[in-house]
Amino acid sequence: MGNSIKTWFFELIEDAIGSKAMRKFKEEEEKKTKESKIKKRHQ
């Protein structure tokens, strides 16, 4: 259930701000996630 709410929420935001801006946001979030995983491995 939580995943469907998250999907709905992101679709709502995407409709409000536009798909181009939302795609940029998702790319930034993925980059942050990858960087934090790399930092955790090097600790």
N, C-alpha and C. Protein backbone atom coordinates (compact mmCIF):
# COMPACT_ATOMS: atom_id res chain seq x y z
N MET A 1 0.81 -1.19 0.00
CA MET A 1 0.00 0.00 0.00
C MET A 1 0.86 1.26 0.00
N GLY A 2 1.93 1.26 0.78
CA GLY A 2 2.80 2.42 0.86
C GLY A 2 3.38 2.81 -0.49
N ASN A 3 3.72 1.81 -1.29
CA ASN A 3 4.31 2.08 -2.59
C ASN A 3 3.31 2.73 -3.54
N SER A 4 2.05 2.30 -3.46
CA SER A 4 1.05 2.90 -4.35
C SER A 4 0.78 4.35 -3.97
N ILE A 5 0.83 4.67 -2.69
CA ILE A 5 0.65 6.05 -2.25
C ILE A 5 1.82 6.89 -2.73
N LYS A 6 3.03 6.34 -2.62
CA LYS A 6 4.23 7.06 -3.09
C LYS A 6 4.13 7.32 -4.59
N THR A 7 3.72 6.32 -5.34
CA THR A 7 3.57 6.48 -6.79
C THR A 7 2.54 7.56 -7.11
N TRP A 8 1.41 7.50 -6.42
CA TRP A 8 0.36 8.51 -6.63
C TRP A 8 0.88 9.89 -6.31
N PHE A 9 1.61 10.03 -5.21
CA PHE A 9 2.15 11.32 -4.79
C PHE A 9 3.09 11.89 -5.85
N PHE A 10 4.01 11.07 -6.35
CA PHE A 10 4.94 11.54 -7.36
C PHE A 10 4.23 11.89 -8.67
N GLU A 11 3.20 11.14 -9.02
CA GLU A 11 2.43 11.47 -10.22
C GLU A 11 1.70 12.79 -10.06
N LEU A 12 1.20 13.05 -8.86
CA LEU A 12 0.52 14.31 -8.57
C LEU A 12 1.49 15.49 -8.71
N ILE A 13 2.68 15.33 -8.14
CA ILE A 13 3.70 16.38 -8.24
C ILE A 13 4.12 16.57 -9.70
N GLU A 14 4.29 15.47 -10.40
CA GLU A 14 4.69 15.53 -11.81
C GLU A 14 3.68 16.31 -12.63
N ASP A 15 2.40 16.08 -12.38
CA ASP A 15 1.36 16.82 -13.09
C ASP A 15 1.41 18.31 -12.75
N ALA A 16 1.73 18.62 -11.50
CA ALA A 16 1.72 20.01 -11.04
C ALA A 16 2.91 20.80 -11.57
N ILE A 17 4.12 20.20 -11.57
CA ILE A 17 5.31 20.96 -11.94
C ILE A 17 5.85 20.61 -13.32
N GLY A 18 5.33 19.56 -13.90
CA GLY A 18 5.78 19.17 -15.23
C GLY A 18 6.73 17.99 -15.19
N SER A 19 6.67 17.18 -16.20
CA SER A 19 7.46 15.95 -16.23
C SER A 19 8.96 16.22 -16.34
N LYS A 20 9.34 17.29 -17.00
CA LYS A 20 10.76 17.59 -17.16
C LYS A 20 11.41 17.89 -15.80
N ALA A 21 10.76 18.71 -15.01
CA ALA A 21 11.28 19.05 -13.68
C ALA A 21 11.29 17.82 -12.78
N MET A 22 10.28 16.99 -12.88
CA MET A 22 10.21 15.79 -12.05
C MET A 22 11.31 14.81 -12.42
N ARG A 23 11.60 14.66 -13.69
CA ARG A 23 12.67 13.78 -14.13
C ARG A 23 14.00 14.25 -13.57
N LYS A 24 14.22 15.56 -13.58
CA LYS A 24 15.45 16.14 -13.03
C LYS A 24 15.55 15.84 -11.53
N PHE A 25 14.44 15.98 -10.82
CA PHE A 25 14.40 15.69 -9.39
C PHE A 25 14.77 14.23 -9.13
N LYS A 26 14.18 13.31 -9.90
CA LYS A 26 14.46 11.88 -9.71
C LYS A 26 15.93 11.57 -9.98
N GLU A 27 16.51 12.20 -11.00
CA GLU A 27 17.93 12.00 -11.31
C GLU A 27 18.81 12.48 -10.15
N GLU A 28 18.46 13.63 -9.57
CA GLU A 28 19.22 14.16 -8.44
C GLU A 28 19.13 13.22 -7.23
N GLU A 29 17.95 12.69 -6.98
CA GLU A 29 17.75 11.77 -5.86
C GLU A 29 18.55 10.48 -6.05
N GLU A 30 18.57 9.95 -7.28
CA GLU A 30 19.34 8.75 -7.56
C GLU A 30 20.83 9.00 -7.37
N LYS A 31 21.28 10.17 -7.79
CA LYS A 31 22.69 10.53 -7.63
C LYS A 31 23.07 10.59 -6.15
N LYS A 32 22.21 11.20 -5.33
CA LYS A 32 22.46 11.28 -3.89
C LYS A 32 22.52 9.90 -3.26
N THR A 33 21.61 9.03 -3.69
CA THR A 33 21.56 7.67 -3.15
C THR A 33 22.84 6.91 -3.49
N LYS A 34 23.28 7.02 -4.73
CA LYS A 34 24.50 6.34 -5.15
C LYS A 34 25.72 6.86 -4.39
N GLU A 35 25.79 8.19 -4.21
CA GLU A 35 26.92 8.78 -3.49
C GLU A 35 26.95 8.34 -2.03
N SER A 36 25.79 8.25 -1.41
CA SER A 36 25.75 7.84 -0.01
C SER A 36 26.14 6.37 0.14
N LYS A 37 25.77 5.52 -0.83
CA LYS A 37 26.16 4.11 -0.79
C LYS A 37 27.67 3.97 -0.93
N ILE A 38 28.27 4.78 -1.80
CA ILE A 38 29.72 4.74 -1.99
C ILE A 38 30.43 5.18 -0.71
N LYS A 39 29.94 6.22 -0.07
CA LYS A 39 30.53 6.71 1.17
C LYS A 39 30.46 5.65 2.26
N LYS A 40 29.35 4.93 2.34
CA LYS A 40 29.18 3.89 3.36
C LYS A 40 30.16 2.75 3.14
N ARG A 41 30.45 2.42 1.90
CA ARG A 41 31.39 1.35 1.59
C ARG A 41 32.81 1.71 1.98
N HIS A 42 33.16 2.98 1.90
CA HIS A 42 34.52 3.42 2.17
C HIS A 42 34.78 3.69 3.64
N GLN A 43 33.77 3.56 4.47
CA GLN A 43 33.95 3.82 5.90
C GLN A 43 34.49 2.62 6.60
